[in-house]
């Protein structure tokens, strides 16, 4: 302290204190949404909206991927949360400051045949959930502007396994467990566009 302590002692009387207040400079947050690599326009209210393709393919709906009410700034190491919503027929990877989040939207659940659940062989169990919206929480990094990127990819083809269905007793001869499905038929696809 040295000379500074002497200066303070000349300004303050005994028993007086100085309260120092400071304000952290907020870091701006930029949001980008791309569909198959093409960026979407940010609306005047700050929202980012896209035309969705529902699985029926009969109508096109608007989906607000990033809302106008999302946070615009955060202090260093501060927590920021925002919601992302995508239409069906797409998958999305959400990244904060170029780090992809582990929650992937639009990813299909995994299915497997499980004899432990039902010894008669009639149960296909699912792991994972199909999500079209999620609230993401992240901490701001030190430095300049923070970035949030939602990379949407068209995903209009879904493949299902005939092997799982073929092992269920409803699709066997119910005597020797022989599948009634042809071994050539290994799966089928549904085009959702």
N, C-alpha and C. Protein backbone atom coordinates (compact mmCIF):
# COMPACT_ATOMS: atom_id res chain seq x y z
N UNK A 1 0.83 -1.19 0.00
CA UNK A 1 0.00 0.00 0.00
C UNK A 1 0.87 1.25 0.00
N UNK A 2 1.81 1.38 0.91
CA UNK A 2 2.77 2.48 0.92
C UNK A 2 2.10 3.84 0.85
N UNK A 3 2.38 4.59 -0.23
CA UNK A 3 1.89 5.95 -0.39
C UNK A 3 0.38 6.04 -0.44
N UNK A 4 -0.28 5.00 -0.95
CA UNK A 4 -1.75 5.04 -1.04
C UNK A 4 -2.37 5.05 0.35
N UNK A 5 -1.77 4.31 1.28
CA UNK A 5 -2.31 4.28 2.64
C UNK A 5 -2.21 5.66 3.29
N UNK A 6 -1.13 6.37 3.01
CA UNK A 6 -0.97 7.71 3.57
C UNK A 6 -2.02 8.66 3.01
N UNK A 7 -2.33 8.52 1.71
CA UNK A 7 -3.33 9.38 1.08
C UNK A 7 -4.70 9.14 1.70
N UNK A 8 -5.05 7.88 1.91
CA UNK A 8 -6.35 7.54 2.51
C UNK A 8 -6.42 8.11 3.91
N UNK A 9 -5.33 8.04 4.65
CA UNK A 9 -5.36 8.54 6.03
C UNK A 9 -5.56 10.04 6.09
N UNK A 10 -5.21 10.77 5.05
CA UNK A 10 -5.40 12.22 5.02
C UNK A 10 -6.81 12.59 4.58
N UNK A 11 -7.48 11.70 3.80
CA UNK A 11 -8.82 12.01 3.30
C UNK A 11 -9.89 11.60 4.30
N UNK A 12 -9.71 10.46 4.94
CA UNK A 12 -10.73 9.93 5.86
C UNK A 12 -10.43 10.35 7.30
N UNK A 13 -11.51 10.61 8.01
CA UNK A 13 -11.37 10.84 9.43
C UNK A 13 -11.48 9.50 10.13
N UNK A 14 -11.05 9.46 11.36
CA UNK A 14 -11.07 8.21 12.09
C UNK A 14 -12.49 7.67 12.18
N UNK A 15 -12.65 6.35 11.87
CA UNK A 15 -13.96 5.70 11.92
C UNK A 15 -14.70 5.73 10.59
N UNK A 16 -14.27 6.57 9.65
CA UNK A 16 -14.92 6.63 8.33
C UNK A 16 -14.35 5.53 7.43
N UNK A 17 -15.21 5.05 6.54
CA UNK A 17 -14.78 4.02 5.58
C UNK A 17 -15.21 4.42 4.18
N UNK A 18 -14.58 3.81 3.23
CA UNK A 18 -14.96 4.00 1.83
C UNK A 18 -15.49 2.67 1.31
N UNK A 19 -16.65 2.70 0.69
CA UNK A 19 -17.24 1.49 0.09
C UNK A 19 -16.98 1.52 -1.41
N UNK A 20 -16.27 0.52 -1.88
CA UNK A 20 -15.97 0.43 -3.30
C UNK A 20 -17.01 -0.45 -3.99
N UNK A 21 -17.55 0.04 -5.05
CA UNK A 21 -18.52 -0.73 -5.84
C UNK A 21 -18.01 -0.82 -7.27
N UNK A 22 -18.15 -1.99 -7.85
CA UNK A 22 -17.74 -2.13 -9.23
C UNK A 22 -18.77 -2.98 -9.97
N UNK A 23 -18.84 -2.79 -11.23
CA UNK A 23 -19.76 -3.54 -12.07
C UNK A 23 -18.96 -4.30 -13.12
N UNK A 24 -19.25 -5.62 -13.22
CA UNK A 24 -18.56 -6.40 -14.25
C UNK A 24 -19.15 -6.07 -15.62
N UNK A 25 -18.28 -6.02 -16.59
CA UNK A 25 -18.74 -5.77 -17.95
C UNK A 25 -19.37 -7.06 -18.48
N UNK A 26 -20.64 -7.02 -18.88
CA UNK A 26 -21.28 -8.24 -19.37
C UNK A 26 -20.71 -8.66 -20.73
N UNK A 27 -20.72 -9.96 -20.95
CA UNK A 27 -20.28 -10.53 -22.22
C UNK A 27 -21.52 -10.79 -23.08
N UNK A 28 -21.52 -10.28 -24.27
CA UNK A 28 -22.66 -10.50 -25.18
C UNK A 28 -22.74 -11.95 -25.59
N UNK A 29 -23.96 -12.41 -25.87
CA UNK A 29 -24.19 -13.78 -26.34
C UNK A 29 -24.79 -13.70 -27.74
N UNK A 30 -24.17 -14.36 -28.68
CA UNK A 30 -24.72 -14.41 -30.04
C UNK A 30 -25.32 -15.80 -30.28
N UNK A 31 -26.44 -15.84 -30.98
CA UNK A 31 -27.14 -17.09 -31.28
C UNK A 31 -27.17 -17.30 -32.79
N UNK A 32 -26.84 -18.50 -33.21
CA UNK A 32 -26.87 -18.84 -34.63
C UNK A 32 -27.60 -20.17 -34.79
N UNK A 33 -28.50 -20.23 -35.75
CA UNK A 33 -29.18 -21.48 -36.10
C UNK A 33 -28.93 -21.75 -37.57
N UNK A 34 -28.43 -22.95 -37.86
CA UNK A 34 -28.22 -23.34 -39.25
C UNK A 34 -29.07 -24.58 -39.55
N UNK A 35 -29.56 -24.67 -40.77
CA UNK A 35 -30.29 -25.84 -41.24
C UNK A 35 -29.51 -26.41 -42.41
N UNK A 36 -28.98 -27.60 -42.22
CA UNK A 36 -28.11 -28.23 -43.23
C UNK A 36 -27.01 -27.27 -43.67
N UNK A 37 -26.46 -26.53 -42.70
CA UNK A 37 -25.33 -25.64 -42.96
C UNK A 37 -25.70 -24.24 -43.40
N UNK A 38 -26.99 -23.96 -43.65
CA UNK A 38 -27.41 -22.64 -44.11
C UNK A 38 -27.99 -21.86 -42.91
N UNK A 39 -27.43 -20.67 -42.58
CA UNK A 39 -27.91 -19.92 -41.42
C UNK A 39 -29.31 -19.35 -41.63
N UNK A 40 -30.09 -19.34 -40.54
CA UNK A 40 -31.42 -18.72 -40.56
C UNK A 40 -31.31 -17.27 -40.14
N UNK A 41 -32.26 -16.47 -40.59
CA UNK A 41 -32.29 -15.05 -40.28
C UNK A 41 -32.80 -14.82 -38.86
N UNK A 42 -32.21 -13.83 -38.18
CA UNK A 42 -32.68 -13.44 -36.85
C UNK A 42 -33.77 -12.39 -37.04
N UNK A 43 -34.94 -12.61 -36.43
CA UNK A 43 -36.06 -11.66 -36.55
C UNK A 43 -35.78 -10.38 -35.77
N UNK A 44 -36.59 -9.36 -36.03
CA UNK A 44 -36.42 -8.06 -35.35
C UNK A 44 -36.52 -8.18 -33.84
N UNK A 45 -37.36 -9.11 -33.36
CA UNK A 45 -37.51 -9.29 -31.91
C UNK A 45 -36.41 -10.15 -31.31
N UNK A 46 -35.47 -10.64 -32.13
CA UNK A 46 -34.36 -11.45 -31.65
C UNK A 46 -34.60 -12.94 -31.72
N UNK A 47 -35.81 -13.36 -32.08
CA UNK A 47 -36.09 -14.79 -32.18
C UNK A 47 -35.58 -15.35 -33.51
N UNK A 48 -35.37 -16.66 -33.53
CA UNK A 48 -34.97 -17.34 -34.75
C UNK A 48 -36.01 -18.43 -35.01
N UNK A 49 -36.75 -18.27 -36.10
CA UNK A 49 -37.88 -19.15 -36.41
C UNK A 49 -37.61 -19.87 -37.72
N UNK A 50 -38.01 -21.13 -37.79
CA UNK A 50 -37.86 -21.88 -39.04
C UNK A 50 -39.17 -22.55 -39.40
N UNK A 51 -39.31 -22.89 -40.66
CA UNK A 51 -40.46 -23.66 -41.12
C UNK A 51 -40.15 -25.12 -40.88
N UNK A 52 -41.01 -25.79 -40.12
CA UNK A 52 -40.78 -27.19 -39.79
C UNK A 52 -41.49 -28.11 -40.76
N UNK A 53 -41.06 -29.35 -40.78
CA UNK A 53 -41.71 -30.37 -41.60
C UNK A 53 -42.20 -31.46 -40.66
N UNK A 54 -43.48 -31.46 -40.30
CA UNK A 54 -43.99 -32.53 -39.45
C UNK A 54 -43.89 -33.88 -40.15
N UNK A 55 -43.93 -34.95 -39.39
CA UNK A 55 -43.79 -36.28 -39.97
C UNK A 55 -44.87 -36.58 -41.01
N UNK A 56 -46.06 -36.01 -40.85
CA UNK A 56 -47.11 -36.27 -41.83
C UNK A 56 -46.74 -35.70 -43.19
N UNK A 57 -45.94 -34.64 -43.20
CA UNK A 57 -45.52 -34.02 -44.45
C UNK A 57 -46.61 -33.24 -45.13
N UNK A 58 -47.79 -33.16 -44.51
CA UNK A 58 -48.92 -32.52 -45.17
C UNK A 58 -48.96 -31.01 -44.94
N UNK A 59 -48.41 -30.54 -43.83
CA UNK A 59 -48.43 -29.11 -43.53
C UNK A 59 -47.04 -28.67 -43.11
N UNK A 60 -46.79 -27.40 -43.27
CA UNK A 60 -45.52 -26.83 -42.80
C UNK A 60 -45.86 -25.86 -41.68
N UNK A 61 -45.18 -26.01 -40.55
CA UNK A 61 -45.44 -25.16 -39.39
C UNK A 61 -44.21 -24.32 -39.07
N UNK A 62 -44.44 -23.18 -38.43
CA UNK A 62 -43.32 -22.36 -37.95
C UNK A 62 -42.93 -22.84 -36.56
N UNK A 63 -41.65 -23.00 -36.32
CA UNK A 63 -41.14 -23.41 -35.02
C UNK A 63 -40.12 -22.38 -34.55
N UNK A 64 -40.32 -21.85 -33.35
CA UNK A 64 -39.38 -20.88 -32.78
C UNK A 64 -38.24 -21.67 -32.15
N UNK A 65 -37.13 -21.74 -32.84
CA UNK A 65 -35.97 -22.52 -32.35
C UNK A 65 -35.33 -21.80 -31.17
N UNK A 66 -35.11 -20.50 -31.31
CA UNK A 66 -34.57 -19.66 -30.23
C UNK A 66 -35.58 -18.54 -30.00
N UNK A 67 -36.02 -18.38 -28.76
CA UNK A 67 -37.05 -17.37 -28.48
C UNK A 67 -36.44 -15.98 -28.34
N UNK A 68 -37.31 -14.97 -28.45
CA UNK A 68 -36.88 -13.57 -28.29
C UNK A 68 -36.47 -13.30 -26.85
N UNK A 69 -36.98 -14.08 -25.91
CA UNK A 69 -36.72 -13.83 -24.49
C UNK A 69 -35.46 -14.48 -23.95
N UNK A 70 -34.61 -15.01 -24.81
CA UNK A 70 -33.39 -15.65 -24.32
C UNK A 70 -32.41 -14.61 -23.82
N UNK A 71 -31.47 -15.00 -22.91
CA UNK A 71 -30.53 -14.02 -22.37
C UNK A 71 -29.61 -13.45 -23.45
N UNK A 72 -29.30 -12.16 -23.32
CA UNK A 72 -28.46 -11.48 -24.31
C UNK A 72 -27.03 -11.28 -23.83
N UNK A 73 -26.83 -11.34 -22.51
CA UNK A 73 -25.50 -11.11 -21.96
C UNK A 73 -25.34 -11.91 -20.68
N UNK A 74 -24.08 -12.15 -20.30
CA UNK A 74 -23.77 -12.90 -19.08
C UNK A 74 -22.40 -12.44 -18.61
N UNK A 75 -22.17 -12.46 -17.28
CA UNK A 75 -20.86 -12.08 -16.77
C UNK A 75 -19.92 -13.29 -16.84
N UNK A 76 -18.63 -13.05 -16.79
CA UNK A 76 -17.65 -14.13 -16.84
C UNK A 76 -17.92 -15.15 -15.75
N UNK A 77 -17.93 -16.42 -16.12
CA UNK A 77 -18.23 -17.55 -15.23
C UNK A 77 -19.67 -17.58 -14.76
N UNK A 78 -20.50 -16.67 -15.26
CA UNK A 78 -21.90 -16.68 -14.90
C UNK A 78 -22.64 -17.81 -15.63
N UNK A 79 -23.81 -18.17 -15.10
CA UNK A 79 -24.59 -19.25 -15.70
C UNK A 79 -25.63 -18.67 -16.64
N UNK A 80 -25.78 -19.31 -17.77
CA UNK A 80 -26.77 -18.87 -18.74
C UNK A 80 -27.64 -20.07 -19.11
N UNK A 81 -28.95 -19.85 -19.22
CA UNK A 81 -29.84 -20.93 -19.64
C UNK A 81 -30.74 -20.42 -20.76
N UNK A 82 -31.01 -21.31 -21.71
CA UNK A 82 -31.84 -20.95 -22.86
C UNK A 82 -32.52 -22.21 -23.36
N UNK A 83 -33.66 -22.04 -24.00
CA UNK A 83 -34.40 -23.20 -24.52
C UNK A 83 -34.27 -23.27 -26.03
N UNK A 84 -34.14 -24.48 -26.53
CA UNK A 84 -34.09 -24.73 -27.96
C UNK A 84 -35.23 -25.69 -28.30
N UNK A 85 -35.97 -25.38 -29.35
CA UNK A 85 -37.04 -26.26 -29.82
C UNK A 85 -36.85 -26.50 -31.31
N UNK A 86 -36.99 -27.74 -31.72
CA UNK A 86 -36.85 -28.07 -33.14
C UNK A 86 -38.10 -28.81 -33.61
N UNK A 87 -38.40 -28.75 -34.90
CA UNK A 87 -39.54 -29.52 -35.41
C UNK A 87 -39.15 -30.98 -35.62
N UNK A 88 -40.14 -31.84 -35.68
CA UNK A 88 -39.90 -33.24 -36.00
C UNK A 88 -39.35 -33.33 -37.42
N UNK A 89 -38.54 -34.34 -37.64
CA UNK A 89 -37.93 -34.51 -38.95
C UNK A 89 -36.54 -33.91 -39.04
N UNK A 90 -36.03 -33.42 -37.90
CA UNK A 90 -34.69 -32.84 -37.86
C UNK A 90 -33.96 -33.38 -36.64
N UNK A 91 -32.64 -33.40 -36.70
CA UNK A 91 -31.81 -33.60 -35.51
C UNK A 91 -31.03 -32.32 -35.30
N UNK A 92 -30.61 -32.07 -34.07
CA UNK A 92 -29.89 -30.83 -33.78
C UNK A 92 -28.80 -31.06 -32.75
N UNK A 93 -27.65 -30.45 -32.99
CA UNK A 93 -26.57 -30.41 -32.01
C UNK A 93 -26.45 -28.97 -31.54
N UNK A 94 -26.53 -28.77 -30.23
CA UNK A 94 -26.43 -27.44 -29.64
C UNK A 94 -25.04 -27.28 -29.04
N UNK A 95 -24.34 -26.23 -29.45
CA UNK A 95 -22.97 -25.97 -28.95
C UNK A 95 -22.92 -24.62 -28.28
N UNK A 96 -22.22 -24.56 -27.16
CA UNK A 96 -21.95 -23.30 -26.47
C UNK A 96 -20.45 -23.07 -26.53
N UNK A 97 -20.05 -21.95 -27.12
CA UNK A 97 -18.62 -21.64 -27.30
C UNK A 97 -17.88 -22.80 -27.97
N UNK A 98 -18.49 -23.31 -29.04
CA UNK A 98 -17.92 -24.39 -29.87
C UNK A 98 -17.81 -25.73 -29.16
N UNK A 99 -18.43 -25.89 -27.99
CA UNK A 99 -18.44 -27.17 -27.29
C UNK A 99 -19.83 -27.79 -27.39
N UNK A 100 -19.98 -28.91 -28.11
CA UNK A 100 -21.30 -29.53 -28.26
C UNK A 100 -21.82 -30.05 -26.92
N UNK A 101 -23.11 -29.85 -26.69
CA UNK A 101 -23.75 -30.37 -25.48
C UNK A 101 -24.07 -31.85 -25.68
N UNK A 102 -24.13 -32.60 -24.59
CA UNK A 102 -24.38 -34.04 -24.69
C UNK A 102 -25.84 -34.35 -25.05
N UNK A 103 -26.76 -33.39 -24.80
CA UNK A 103 -28.16 -33.62 -25.14
C UNK A 103 -28.37 -33.28 -26.61
N UNK A 104 -28.71 -34.30 -27.41
CA UNK A 104 -28.95 -34.09 -28.84
C UNK A 104 -30.44 -34.17 -29.10
N UNK A 105 -30.97 -33.15 -29.75
CA UNK A 105 -32.40 -33.12 -30.05
C UNK A 105 -32.69 -33.90 -31.33
N UNK A 106 -33.85 -34.56 -31.35
CA UNK A 106 -34.29 -35.27 -32.55
C UNK A 106 -33.66 -36.63 -32.73
N UNK A 107 -32.79 -37.05 -31.80
CA UNK A 107 -32.15 -38.37 -31.93
C UNK A 107 -33.15 -39.46 -31.57
N UNK A 108 -33.21 -40.51 -32.37
CA UNK A 108 -34.15 -41.61 -32.12
C UNK A 108 -33.69 -42.43 -30.93
N UNK A 109 -34.65 -42.91 -30.13
CA UNK A 109 -34.28 -43.82 -29.03
C UNK A 109 -33.74 -45.13 -29.60
N UNK A 110 -33.06 -45.90 -28.77
CA UNK A 110 -32.55 -47.22 -29.15
C UNK A 110 -33.55 -48.28 -28.66
N UNK A 111 -33.78 -49.28 -29.48
CA UNK A 111 -34.70 -50.36 -29.12
C UNK A 111 -33.95 -51.68 -29.10
N UNK A 112 -34.32 -52.53 -28.13
CA UNK A 112 -33.72 -53.87 -28.11
C UNK A 112 -34.73 -54.87 -27.56
N UNK A 113 -34.57 -56.11 -27.98
CA UNK A 113 -35.41 -57.21 -27.53
C UNK A 113 -34.87 -57.68 -26.19
N UNK A 114 -35.71 -57.81 -25.17
CA UNK A 114 -35.24 -58.14 -23.83
C UNK A 114 -36.05 -59.29 -23.24
N UNK A 115 -35.44 -60.45 -23.17
CA UNK A 115 -36.10 -61.62 -22.57
C UNK A 115 -36.18 -61.51 -21.06
N UNK A 116 -35.34 -60.68 -20.45
CA UNK A 116 -35.38 -60.52 -19.00
C UNK A 116 -36.65 -59.82 -18.55
N UNK A 117 -37.18 -58.95 -19.38
CA UNK A 117 -38.42 -58.24 -19.05
C UNK A 117 -39.61 -59.16 -19.23
N UNK A 118 -39.61 -59.92 -20.31
CA UNK A 118 -40.73 -60.81 -20.63
C UNK A 118 -40.17 -62.11 -21.20
N UNK A 119 -40.15 -63.20 -20.39
CA UNK A 119 -39.58 -64.47 -20.86
C UNK A 119 -40.29 -65.05 -22.08
N UNK A 120 -41.53 -64.64 -22.32
CA UNK A 120 -42.26 -65.15 -23.49
C UNK A 120 -41.78 -64.52 -24.79
N UNK A 121 -40.94 -63.51 -24.69
CA UNK A 121 -40.38 -62.90 -25.89
C UNK A 121 -41.33 -61.97 -26.60
N UNK A 122 -42.01 -61.12 -25.85
CA UNK A 122 -42.96 -60.20 -26.46
C UNK A 122 -42.66 -58.74 -26.13
N UNK A 123 -41.47 -58.48 -25.59
CA UNK A 123 -41.18 -57.12 -25.15
C UNK A 123 -39.95 -56.56 -25.85
N UNK A 124 -40.13 -55.43 -26.48
CA UNK A 124 -39.02 -54.67 -27.02
C UNK A 124 -38.88 -53.44 -26.13
N UNK A 125 -37.70 -53.27 -25.52
CA UNK A 125 -37.52 -52.16 -24.59
C UNK A 125 -36.80 -51.01 -25.28
N UNK A 126 -37.08 -49.81 -24.79
CA UNK A 126 -36.53 -48.59 -25.37
C UNK A 126 -35.58 -47.94 -24.38
N UNK A 127 -34.46 -47.44 -24.87
CA UNK A 127 -33.57 -46.65 -24.03
C UNK A 127 -33.38 -45.29 -24.70
N UNK A 128 -33.47 -44.26 -23.89
CA UNK A 128 -33.35 -42.90 -24.43
C UNK A 128 -34.72 -42.34 -24.78
N UNK A 129 -34.79 -41.03 -24.86
CA UNK A 129 -36.04 -40.34 -25.18
C UNK A 129 -35.88 -39.53 -26.46
N UNK A 130 -36.97 -39.41 -27.18
CA UNK A 130 -36.97 -38.55 -28.37
C UNK A 130 -37.33 -37.15 -27.90
N UNK A 131 -36.41 -36.22 -28.01
CA UNK A 131 -36.62 -34.85 -27.54
C UNK A 131 -36.70 -33.88 -28.70
N UNK A 132 -37.69 -32.99 -28.66
CA UNK A 132 -37.74 -31.91 -29.64
C UNK A 132 -37.47 -30.55 -28.97
N UNK A 133 -37.40 -30.53 -27.63
CA UNK A 133 -37.04 -29.28 -26.95
C UNK A 133 -36.28 -29.62 -25.67
N UNK A 134 -35.43 -28.68 -25.27
CA UNK A 134 -34.62 -28.88 -24.06
C UNK A 134 -34.11 -27.52 -23.60
N UNK A 135 -34.01 -27.36 -22.28
CA UNK A 135 -33.41 -26.15 -21.71
C UNK A 135 -31.95 -26.45 -21.40
N UNK A 136 -31.07 -25.72 -22.03
CA UNK A 136 -29.63 -25.91 -21.87
C UNK A 136 -29.09 -24.92 -20.84
N UNK A 137 -28.15 -25.37 -20.02
CA UNK A 137 -27.52 -24.52 -19.00
C UNK A 137 -26.01 -24.61 -19.20
N UNK A 138 -25.35 -23.46 -19.27
CA UNK A 138 -23.90 -23.45 -19.49
C UNK A 138 -23.29 -22.28 -18.72
N UNK A 139 -21.99 -22.39 -18.46
CA UNK A 139 -21.25 -21.30 -17.81
C UNK A 139 -20.49 -20.51 -18.86
N UNK A 140 -20.48 -19.20 -18.70
CA UNK A 140 -19.76 -18.34 -19.63
C UNK A 140 -18.27 -18.50 -19.42
N UNK A 141 -17.52 -18.45 -20.50
CA UNK A 141 -16.07 -18.53 -20.41
C UNK A 141 -15.48 -17.12 -20.38
N UNK A 142 -14.28 -17.02 -19.85
CA UNK A 142 -13.61 -15.72 -19.82
C UNK A 142 -13.28 -15.30 -21.24
N UNK A 143 -13.29 -14.02 -21.47
CA UNK A 143 -12.96 -13.54 -22.81
C UNK A 143 -14.08 -12.69 -23.36
N UNK A 144 -14.22 -12.76 -24.66
CA UNK A 144 -15.18 -11.89 -25.32
C UNK A 144 -16.56 -12.50 -25.45
N UNK A 145 -17.15 -12.33 -26.61
CA UNK A 145 -18.53 -12.73 -26.86
C UNK A 145 -18.71 -14.23 -26.70
N UNK A 146 -19.85 -14.60 -26.15
CA UNK A 146 -20.22 -15.99 -26.00
C UNK A 146 -21.08 -16.40 -27.20
N UNK A 147 -20.94 -17.64 -27.65
CA UNK A 147 -21.70 -18.06 -28.83
C UNK A 147 -22.52 -19.30 -28.53
N UNK A 148 -23.73 -19.31 -29.07
CA UNK A 148 -24.62 -20.48 -29.01
C UNK A 148 -24.98 -20.82 -30.44
N UNK A 149 -24.70 -22.06 -30.83
CA UNK A 149 -24.99 -22.51 -32.19
C UNK A 149 -25.90 -23.72 -32.15
N UNK A 150 -26.97 -23.67 -32.93
CA UNK A 150 -27.87 -24.81 -33.08
C UNK A 150 -27.73 -25.29 -34.52
N UNK A 151 -27.12 -26.46 -34.69
CA UNK A 151 -26.91 -27.01 -36.04
C UNK A 151 -27.99 -28.05 -36.31
N UNK A 152 -28.99 -27.65 -37.11
CA UNK A 152 -30.08 -28.54 -37.47
C UNK A 152 -29.73 -29.30 -38.74
N UNK A 153 -30.09 -30.57 -38.77
CA UNK A 153 -29.85 -31.41 -39.94
C UNK A 153 -31.15 -32.09 -40.31
N UNK A 154 -31.51 -32.05 -41.59
CA UNK A 154 -32.70 -32.74 -42.05
C UNK A 154 -32.53 -34.24 -41.84
N UNK A 155 -33.53 -34.86 -41.24
CA UNK A 155 -33.44 -36.29 -40.93
C UNK A 155 -34.79 -36.93 -41.24
N UNK A 156 -35.10 -37.03 -42.52
CA UNK A 156 -36.43 -37.50 -42.92
C UNK A 156 -36.51 -39.00 -43.20
N UNK A 157 -35.44 -39.74 -42.96
CA UNK A 157 -35.47 -41.18 -43.19
C UNK A 157 -35.20 -41.90 -41.87
N UNK A 158 -36.10 -42.79 -41.51
CA UNK A 158 -35.97 -43.55 -40.27
C UNK A 158 -36.03 -45.03 -40.61
N UNK A 159 -35.06 -45.80 -40.12
CA UNK A 159 -34.99 -47.22 -40.42
C UNK A 159 -35.34 -48.03 -39.17
N UNK A 160 -36.15 -49.05 -39.36
CA UNK A 160 -36.59 -49.91 -38.27
C UNK A 160 -36.08 -51.32 -38.50
N UNK A 161 -35.81 -52.05 -37.44
CA UNK A 161 -35.26 -53.39 -37.54
C UNK A 161 -36.36 -54.44 -37.55
N UNK A 162 -36.38 -55.25 -38.59
CA UNK A 162 -37.32 -56.37 -38.65
C UNK A 162 -36.85 -57.51 -37.76
N UNK A 163 -35.56 -57.54 -37.43
CA UNK A 163 -35.02 -58.61 -36.62
C UNK A 163 -35.69 -58.65 -35.24
N UNK A 164 -35.87 -57.46 -34.64
CA UNK A 164 -36.52 -57.42 -33.32
C UNK A 164 -37.96 -57.90 -33.40
N UNK A 165 -38.68 -57.39 -34.37
CA UNK A 165 -40.10 -57.77 -34.51
C UNK A 165 -40.22 -59.25 -34.85
N UNK A 166 -39.32 -59.75 -35.69
CA UNK A 166 -39.38 -61.14 -36.12
C UNK A 166 -39.18 -62.14 -34.99
N UNK A 167 -38.59 -61.71 -33.88
CA UNK A 167 -38.36 -62.62 -32.76
C UNK A 167 -39.55 -62.67 -31.80
N UNK A 168 -40.52 -61.78 -31.97
CA UNK A 168 -41.69 -61.80 -31.10
C UNK A 168 -42.59 -62.97 -31.49
N UNK A 169 -43.29 -63.54 -30.50
CA UNK A 169 -44.08 -64.74 -30.78
C UNK A 169 -45.22 -64.45 -31.75
N UNK A 170 -45.64 -63.20 -31.83
CA UNK A 170 -46.73 -62.85 -32.76
C UNK A 170 -46.29 -63.00 -34.21
N UNK A 171 -44.98 -63.02 -34.45
CA UNK A 171 -44.47 -63.14 -35.81
C UNK A 171 -43.75 -64.47 -36.04
N UNK A 172 -43.97 -65.44 -35.13
CA UNK A 172 -43.36 -66.76 -35.30
C UNK A 172 -44.47 -67.78 -35.48
N UNK A 173 -44.07 -69.03 -35.73
CA UNK A 173 -45.08 -70.08 -35.90
C UNK A 173 -45.61 -70.58 -34.56
N UNK A 174 -45.10 -70.01 -33.44
CA UNK A 174 -45.55 -70.31 -32.09
C UNK A 174 -45.35 -71.76 -31.67
N UNK A 175 -44.62 -72.53 -32.44
CA UNK A 175 -44.32 -73.90 -32.04
C UNK A 175 -42.82 -74.02 -31.79
N UNK A 176 -42.07 -73.79 -32.80
CA UNK A 176 -40.62 -73.90 -32.66
C UNK A 176 -39.93 -72.55 -32.61
N UNK A 177 -40.71 -71.46 -32.62
CA UNK A 177 -40.14 -70.13 -32.59
C UNK A 177 -39.56 -69.70 -33.91
N UNK A 178 -39.98 -70.35 -35.00
CA UNK A 178 -39.46 -69.99 -36.31
C UNK A 178 -40.13 -68.72 -36.79
N UNK A 179 -39.31 -67.79 -37.24
CA UNK A 179 -39.85 -66.51 -37.71
C UNK A 179 -40.62 -66.72 -39.00
N UNK A 180 -41.76 -66.05 -39.11
CA UNK A 180 -42.56 -66.10 -40.33
C UNK A 180 -42.07 -65.10 -41.36
N UNK A 181 -41.19 -64.19 -40.94
CA UNK A 181 -40.67 -63.19 -41.86
C UNK A 181 -39.54 -63.79 -42.69
N UNK A 182 -39.46 -63.42 -43.91
CA UNK A 182 -38.39 -63.89 -44.78
C UNK A 182 -37.05 -63.37 -44.27
N UNK A 183 -36.00 -64.20 -44.24
CA UNK A 183 -34.69 -63.72 -43.78
C UNK A 183 -34.11 -62.63 -44.67
N UNK A 184 -34.63 -62.49 -45.90
CA UNK A 184 -34.15 -61.44 -46.79
C UNK A 184 -34.63 -60.08 -46.31
N UNK A 185 -35.80 -60.07 -45.69
CA UNK A 185 -36.39 -58.81 -45.23
C UNK A 185 -35.76 -58.44 -43.90
N UNK A 186 -34.81 -57.51 -43.90
CA UNK A 186 -34.07 -57.19 -42.68
C UNK A 186 -34.46 -55.86 -42.06
N UNK A 187 -35.24 -55.10 -42.76
CA UNK A 187 -35.65 -53.81 -42.20
C UNK A 187 -36.47 -53.03 -43.19
N UNK A 188 -37.06 -51.96 -42.73
CA UNK A 188 -37.84 -51.11 -43.64
C UNK A 188 -37.62 -49.67 -43.26
N UNK A 189 -37.85 -48.81 -44.22
CA UNK A 189 -37.61 -47.38 -44.00
C UNK A 189 -38.89 -46.61 -44.24
N UNK A 190 -38.96 -45.49 -43.53
CA UNK A 190 -40.09 -44.58 -43.68
C UNK A 190 -39.56 -43.23 -44.07
N UNK A 191 -39.97 -42.76 -45.23
CA UNK A 191 -39.58 -41.43 -45.67
C UNK A 191 -40.58 -40.44 -45.11
N UNK A 192 -40.13 -39.54 -44.23
CA UNK A 192 -41.05 -38.64 -43.54
C UNK A 192 -41.12 -37.26 -44.17
N UNK A 193 -40.50 -37.06 -45.31
CA UNK A 193 -40.55 -35.73 -45.90
C UNK A 193 -41.81 -35.59 -46.75
